């Protein structure tokens, strides 16, 4: 396993981690400036942040700073009415920014995220997700943009993602890309999968070809908000180094991407101080 204690060359910042500091949005281009000033070599921006900054301005700033992407957030939501159109746009944006993959949060029961689920058939939702990924995969292959399915914790099965284990995600990968071509894989986010008794086995099953992204944060006890109370690495109960060891043992050699949603804590702090803490914890707790 790589030694992260001496530097942070393999740290990436998911820009949601510092998207809204002390009650105000921190503009994406300023986030990129702050990352560059700290020697952070990679980020994973969100589509809404890129839209606010401008796609071309974002691409220019990334190039000027020599910052790479560890992923692009996000495509998916295949059960939404406008999913096909939005996902094609997301693919093109990912290509323009030079992303290594488009991360997919796949969606769940139609209408549930807005509080009005149209039905209760989660099997049908999963079938729709399968078909949506299959259709998008053809477009992604044409563009040379890998798709990374991100399984989400079962607490999100109704509204955000009906693919909830790494095993489920890999089943879809094997069905749609049996040749393991690199066009379809997974994003392993420790917040969502740390509890899974099959995790080590499924990471080994994924192998280098399927492991496209690795996200880190921590699970707090108690968790005050199931969406927006993620912990900084080292503050919770996830054995992050153990999971990273499994991921790297399976062949992953990319960035560890810090992705923290934290309305009550980290989003209340100075953004630069949050980045400095991410650097320190990446060295000591990842």
Protein backbone atom coordinates (compact mmCIF):
# COMPACT_ATOMS: atom_id res chain seq x y z
CA UNK A 1 0.00 0.00 0.00
CA UNK A 2 1.27 3.48 -0.84
CA UNK A 3 2.64 5.64 1.96
CA UNK A 4 0.67 8.89 2.14
CA UNK A 5 2.34 10.20 5.29
CA UNK A 6 5.04 12.25 3.61
CA UNK A 7 3.11 14.20 1.00
CA UNK A 8 -0.34 14.63 -0.53
CA UNK A 9 0.37 13.92 -4.18
CA UNK A 10 -2.51 11.41 -4.30
CA UNK A 11 -5.07 13.68 -2.65
CA UNK A 12 -8.02 14.92 -4.68
CA UNK A 13 -10.69 17.32 -3.46
CA UNK A 14 -14.28 16.75 -4.47
CA UNK A 15 -15.35 20.37 -4.73
CA UNK A 16 -18.56 19.73 -2.80
CA UNK A 17 -16.32 19.54 0.26
CA UNK A 18 -15.85 23.31 0.14
CA UNK A 19 -18.82 24.39 -1.93
CA UNK A 20 -20.53 26.60 0.67
CA UNK A 21 -18.41 28.07 3.43
CA UNK A 22 -19.81 30.19 6.25
CA UNK A 23 -23.16 30.57 4.54
CA UNK A 24 -21.84 31.67 1.14
CA UNK A 25 -20.98 29.77 -2.02
CA UNK A 26 -17.24 29.50 -2.62
CA UNK A 27 -16.87 29.96 -6.40
CA UNK A 28 -15.27 27.06 -8.21
CA UNK A 29 -12.45 29.08 -9.78
CA UNK A 30 -11.46 30.35 -6.33
CA UNK A 31 -11.52 26.77 -5.04
CA UNK A 32 -9.16 25.78 -7.84
CA UNK A 33 -6.84 28.68 -6.99
CA UNK A 34 -6.80 27.63 -3.34
CA UNK A 35 -6.08 24.01 -4.25
CA UNK A 36 -3.24 25.00 -6.55
CA UNK A 37 -1.72 27.19 -3.85
CA UNK A 38 -1.57 24.12 -1.59
CA UNK A 39 -0.12 21.74 -4.14
CA UNK A 40 -3.34 19.75 -4.50
CA UNK A 41 -3.02 18.03 -7.87
CA UNK A 42 -6.59 16.89 -8.54
CA UNK A 43 -10.22 17.79 -7.99
CA UNK A 44 -13.63 16.38 -8.83
CA UNK A 45 -16.03 19.23 -9.65
CA UNK A 46 -19.82 19.13 -9.67
CA UNK A 47 -21.84 20.10 -12.73
CA UNK A 48 -23.66 22.96 -11.03
CA UNK A 49 -20.38 24.49 -9.88
CA UNK A 50 -18.95 24.18 -13.38
CA UNK A 51 -22.08 25.75 -14.86
CA UNK A 52 -21.80 28.70 -12.48
CA UNK A 53 -18.11 29.23 -13.34
CA UNK A 54 -18.47 28.46 -17.04
CA UNK A 55 -17.23 25.31 -18.73
CA UNK A 56 -14.49 26.97 -20.76
CA UNK A 57 -13.31 29.12 -17.85
CA UNK A 58 -13.12 26.02 -15.68
CA UNK A 59 -11.12 24.14 -18.31
CA UNK A 60 -8.72 27.08 -18.73
CA UNK A 61 -8.17 27.41 -14.98
CA UNK A 62 -7.53 23.69 -14.59
CA UNK A 63 -4.96 23.80 -17.38
CA UNK A 64 -3.30 26.94 -16.02
CA UNK A 65 -2.85 25.33 -12.61
CA UNK A 66 -1.95 21.88 -13.93
CA UNK A 67 -4.81 20.36 -11.94
CA UNK A 68 -6.21 17.03 -13.10
CA UNK A 69 -9.63 15.54 -12.42
CA UNK A 70 -10.23 12.39 -10.40
CA UNK A 71 -13.81 12.24 -11.70
CA UNK A 72 -16.75 14.40 -12.74
CA UNK A 73 -19.91 14.65 -10.65
CA UNK A 74 -22.30 13.57 -11.82
CA UNK A 75 -24.43 11.72 -14.32
CA UNK A 76 -27.14 9.17 -13.69
CA UNK A 77 -30.59 9.72 -12.18
CA UNK A 78 -31.84 7.43 -14.91
CA UNK A 79 -35.41 7.34 -13.62
CA UNK A 80 -35.84 11.11 -14.10
CA UNK A 81 -37.77 12.32 -17.12
CA UNK A 82 -34.88 14.36 -18.53
CA UNK A 83 -32.14 11.85 -17.72
CA UNK A 84 -31.11 11.10 -21.30
CA UNK A 85 -30.58 14.75 -22.21
CA UNK A 86 -28.79 15.61 -18.97
CA UNK A 87 -26.48 12.63 -19.20
CA UNK A 88 -25.37 13.47 -22.73
CA UNK A 89 -24.54 16.98 -21.53
CA UNK A 90 -22.65 15.55 -18.58
CA UNK A 91 -20.64 13.31 -20.90
CA UNK A 92 -19.65 16.22 -23.11
CA UNK A 93 -18.69 18.35 -20.10
CA UNK A 94 -16.58 15.52 -18.69
CA UNK A 95 -14.78 15.22 -22.01
CA UNK A 96 -14.18 18.98 -22.22
CA UNK A 97 -12.62 18.96 -18.75
CA UNK A 98 -10.50 15.88 -19.35
CA UNK A 99 -12.14 13.79 -16.64
CA UNK A 100 -11.03 10.17 -16.24
CA UNK A 101 -14.63 9.09 -15.65
CA UNK A 102 -18.19 10.32 -15.24
CA UNK A 103 -19.53 9.26 -11.85
CA UNK A 104 -23.10 7.91 -11.90
CA UNK A 105 -25.58 8.30 -9.06
CA UNK A 106 -28.19 6.16 -10.70
CA UNK A 107 -31.55 7.30 -9.29
CA UNK A 108 -34.33 5.30 -7.70
CA UNK A 109 -38.13 5.46 -7.47
CA UNK A 110 -39.38 8.14 -9.89
CA UNK A 111 -40.50 11.24 -8.03
CA UNK A 112 -39.26 10.05 -4.63
CA UNK A 113 -36.53 12.67 -4.35
CA UNK A 114 -39.22 15.34 -4.60
CA UNK A 115 -41.33 13.52 -2.00
CA UNK A 116 -43.89 12.04 -4.42
CA UNK A 117 -42.87 8.54 -5.47
CA UNK A 118 -44.83 7.43 -8.52
CA UNK A 119 -44.71 3.76 -7.50
CA UNK A 120 -43.15 1.36 -5.00
CA UNK A 121 -41.60 -1.15 -7.41
CA UNK A 122 -37.87 -0.92 -6.71
CA UNK A 123 -37.22 -3.88 -9.02
CA UNK A 124 -38.72 -1.88 -11.86
CA UNK A 125 -36.56 1.09 -10.90
CA UNK A 126 -33.46 -1.10 -11.01
CA UNK A 127 -34.45 -2.43 -14.42
CA UNK A 128 -34.85 1.13 -15.65
CA UNK A 129 -31.43 2.03 -14.30
CA UNK A 130 -29.90 -0.98 -16.07
CA UNK A 131 -31.46 0.09 -19.36
CA UNK A 132 -30.42 3.70 -18.86
CA UNK A 133 -26.79 2.75 -18.23
CA UNK A 134 -26.85 0.48 -21.28
CA UNK A 135 -28.03 3.33 -23.49
CA UNK A 136 -25.56 5.84 -22.05
CA UNK A 137 -22.70 3.37 -22.34
CA UNK A 138 -22.95 3.43 -26.12
CA UNK A 139 -22.61 7.22 -26.13
CA UNK A 140 -19.79 7.05 -23.58
CA UNK A 141 -17.86 4.55 -25.69
CA UNK A 142 -18.08 6.87 -28.70
CA UNK A 143 -16.57 9.67 -26.61
CA UNK A 144 -14.01 7.51 -24.83
CA UNK A 145 -15.42 8.51 -21.43
CA UNK A 146 -15.62 5.69 -18.83
CA UNK A 147 -18.71 5.49 -16.63
CA UNK A 148 -18.30 4.83 -12.89
CA UNK A 149 -21.37 3.48 -11.08
CA UNK A 150 -21.37 4.66 -7.47
CA UNK A 151 -23.37 2.40 -5.16
CA UNK A 152 -25.02 4.44 -2.41
CA UNK A 153 -25.83 3.39 1.14
CA UNK A 154 -29.22 1.59 1.42
CA UNK A 155 -30.69 4.62 3.21
CA UNK A 156 -30.80 6.24 -0.25
CA UNK A 157 -32.47 3.30 -2.02
CA UNK A 158 -35.81 5.06 -2.37
CA UNK A 159 -34.78 8.45 -3.65
CA UNK A 160 -31.16 8.71 -4.86
CA UNK A 161 -29.80 5.32 -5.87
CA UNK A 162 -31.34 1.86 -6.05
CA UNK A 163 -27.90 0.33 -6.58
CA UNK A 164 -26.76 0.00 -2.99
CA UNK A 165 -23.89 -2.50 -2.84
CA UNK A 166 -20.70 -2.93 -4.76
CA UNK A 167 -21.93 -6.38 -5.72
CA UNK A 168 -25.03 -4.92 -7.40
CA UNK A 169 -22.92 -2.37 -9.27
CA UNK A 170 -20.51 -5.02 -10.48
CA UNK A 171 -23.37 -7.24 -11.62
CA UNK A 172 -24.47 -4.40 -13.91
CA UNK A 173 -20.90 -3.94 -15.12
CA UNK A 174 -20.53 -7.63 -15.92
CA UNK A 175 -23.86 -7.70 -17.74
CA UNK A 176 -23.17 -4.64 -19.90
CA UNK A 177 -19.38 -4.86 -20.31
CA UNK A 178 -18.43 -8.53 -19.94
CA UNK A 179 -15.11 -7.96 -21.72
CA UNK A 180 -14.01 -5.61 -18.90
CA UNK A 181 -13.04 -3.06 -21.52
CA UNK A 182 -12.55 -0.18 -19.08
CA UNK A 183 -15.64 1.61 -20.37
CA UNK A 184 -17.73 0.76 -17.31
CA UNK A 185 -16.68 0.44 -13.69
CA UNK A 186 -17.37 1.64 -10.17
CA UNK A 187 -16.65 4.49 -7.80
CA UNK A 188 -16.00 3.14 -4.30
CA UNK A 189 -17.08 5.67 -1.67
CA UNK A 190 -16.23 4.46 1.82
CA UNK A 191 -19.18 6.38 3.30
CA UNK A 192 -21.58 4.21 1.33
CA UNK A 193 -19.93 0.79 1.42
CA UNK A 194 -17.88 0.52 4.63
CA UNK A 195 -20.56 -1.57 6.39
CA UNK A 196 -20.86 -4.23 3.64
CA UNK A 197 -19.71 -7.71 4.84
CA UNK A 198 -18.87 -8.59 1.22
CA UNK A 199 -16.80 -5.46 0.61
CA UNK A 200 -13.33 -7.01 0.51
CA UNK A 201 -14.53 -9.80 -1.75
CA UNK A 202 -16.27 -7.43 -4.15
CA UNK A 203 -13.32 -5.04 -4.34
CA UNK A 204 -11.15 -7.98 -5.35
CA UNK A 205 -13.79 -8.96 -7.89
CA UNK A 206 -13.76 -5.45 -9.35
CA UNK A 207 -10.03 -5.47 -10.02
CA UNK A 208 -8.04 -2.76 -11.68
CA UNK A 209 -10.29 -2.55 -14.74
CA UNK A 210 -13.43 -1.75 -12.75
CA UNK A 211 -12.00 0.46 -9.96
CA UNK A 212 -12.32 3.92 -11.50
CA UNK A 213 -12.59 6.17 -8.42
CA UNK A 214 -12.07 6.01 -4.66
CA UNK A 215 -13.83 8.47 -2.33
CA UNK A 216 -13.06 9.04 1.35
CA UNK A 217 -14.67 10.71 4.35
CA UNK A 218 -15.93 9.27 7.66
CA UNK A 219 -19.13 8.04 9.31
CA UNK A 220 -19.90 9.94 12.49
CA UNK A 221 -21.62 8.51 15.55
CA UNK A 222 -24.13 9.89 16.01
CA UNK A 223 -24.91 11.08 12.51
CA UNK A 224 -27.12 14.13 12.76
CA UNK A 225 -28.17 14.26 9.10
CA UNK A 226 -27.95 11.25 6.79
CA UNK A 227 -27.10 13.36 3.74
CA UNK A 228 -25.14 16.32 5.05
CA UNK A 229 -23.26 15.18 8.16
CA UNK A 230 -20.27 13.32 6.78
CA UNK A 231 -17.14 13.37 8.89
CA UNK A 232 -13.57 14.32 8.17
CA UNK A 233 -11.32 11.29 7.86
CA UNK A 234 -10.29 10.10 11.30
CA UNK A 235 -13.32 11.55 13.10
CA UNK A 236 -15.61 8.55 12.70
CA UNK A 237 -15.81 4.76 12.66
CA UNK A 238 -14.67 3.81 9.15
CA UNK A 239 -11.36 1.93 8.91
CA UNK A 240 -10.28 3.88 5.85
CA UNK A 241 -6.69 2.55 5.59
CA UNK A 242 -7.97 -1.03 5.63
CA UNK A 243 -10.36 -0.34 2.76
CA UNK A 244 -7.70 1.57 0.82
CA UNK A 245 -5.43 -1.43 1.29
CA UNK A 246 -8.06 -3.66 -0.31
CA UNK A 247 -8.58 -1.21 -3.17
CA UNK A 248 -4.89 -0.80 -3.88
CA UNK A 249 -4.36 -4.54 -3.50
CA UNK A 250 -6.87 -4.99 -6.32
CA UNK A 251 -4.81 -2.72 -8.57
CA UNK A 252 -6.13 0.80 -7.99
CA UNK A 253 -3.36 3.41 -8.11
CA UNK A 254 -5.29 6.67 -8.48
CA UNK A 255 -6.32 9.53 -6.23
CA UNK A 256 -8.08 9.34 -2.90
CA UNK A 257 -10.88 11.85 -3.36
CA UNK A 258 -12.18 13.65 -0.26
CA UNK A 259 -15.94 14.18 -0.53
CA UNK A 260 -17.60 15.67 2.55
CA UNK A 261 -21.11 17.14 2.84
CA UNK A 262 -21.29 18.92 6.18
CA UNK A 263 -23.82 21.68 6.76
CA UNK A 264 -23.26 21.80 10.52
CA UNK A 265 -19.47 21.59 10.64
CA UNK A 266 -17.07 21.75 7.70
CA UNK A 267 -19.26 24.02 5.57
CA UNK A 268 -19.28 26.46 8.49
CA UNK A 269 -15.49 26.92 8.43
CA UNK A 270 -13.05 28.88 6.34
CA UNK A 271 -12.52 27.04 3.06
CA UNK A 272 -8.75 27.28 3.16
CA UNK A 273 -8.69 25.83 6.65
CA UNK A 274 -10.86 22.93 5.45
CA UNK A 275 -8.43 22.21 2.62
CA UNK A 276 -5.52 22.31 5.07
CA UNK A 277 -7.32 19.79 7.28
CA UNK A 278 -7.98 17.55 4.28
CA UNK A 279 -4.25 17.55 3.53
CA UNK A 280 -3.34 16.70 7.11
CA UNK A 281 -5.92 13.94 7.44
CA UNK A 282 -5.06 12.48 4.06
CA UNK A 283 -1.55 11.96 5.42
CA UNK A 284 -2.62 10.59 8.82
CA UNK A 285 -6.02 8.89 8.42
CA UNK A 286 -6.29 7.67 4.82
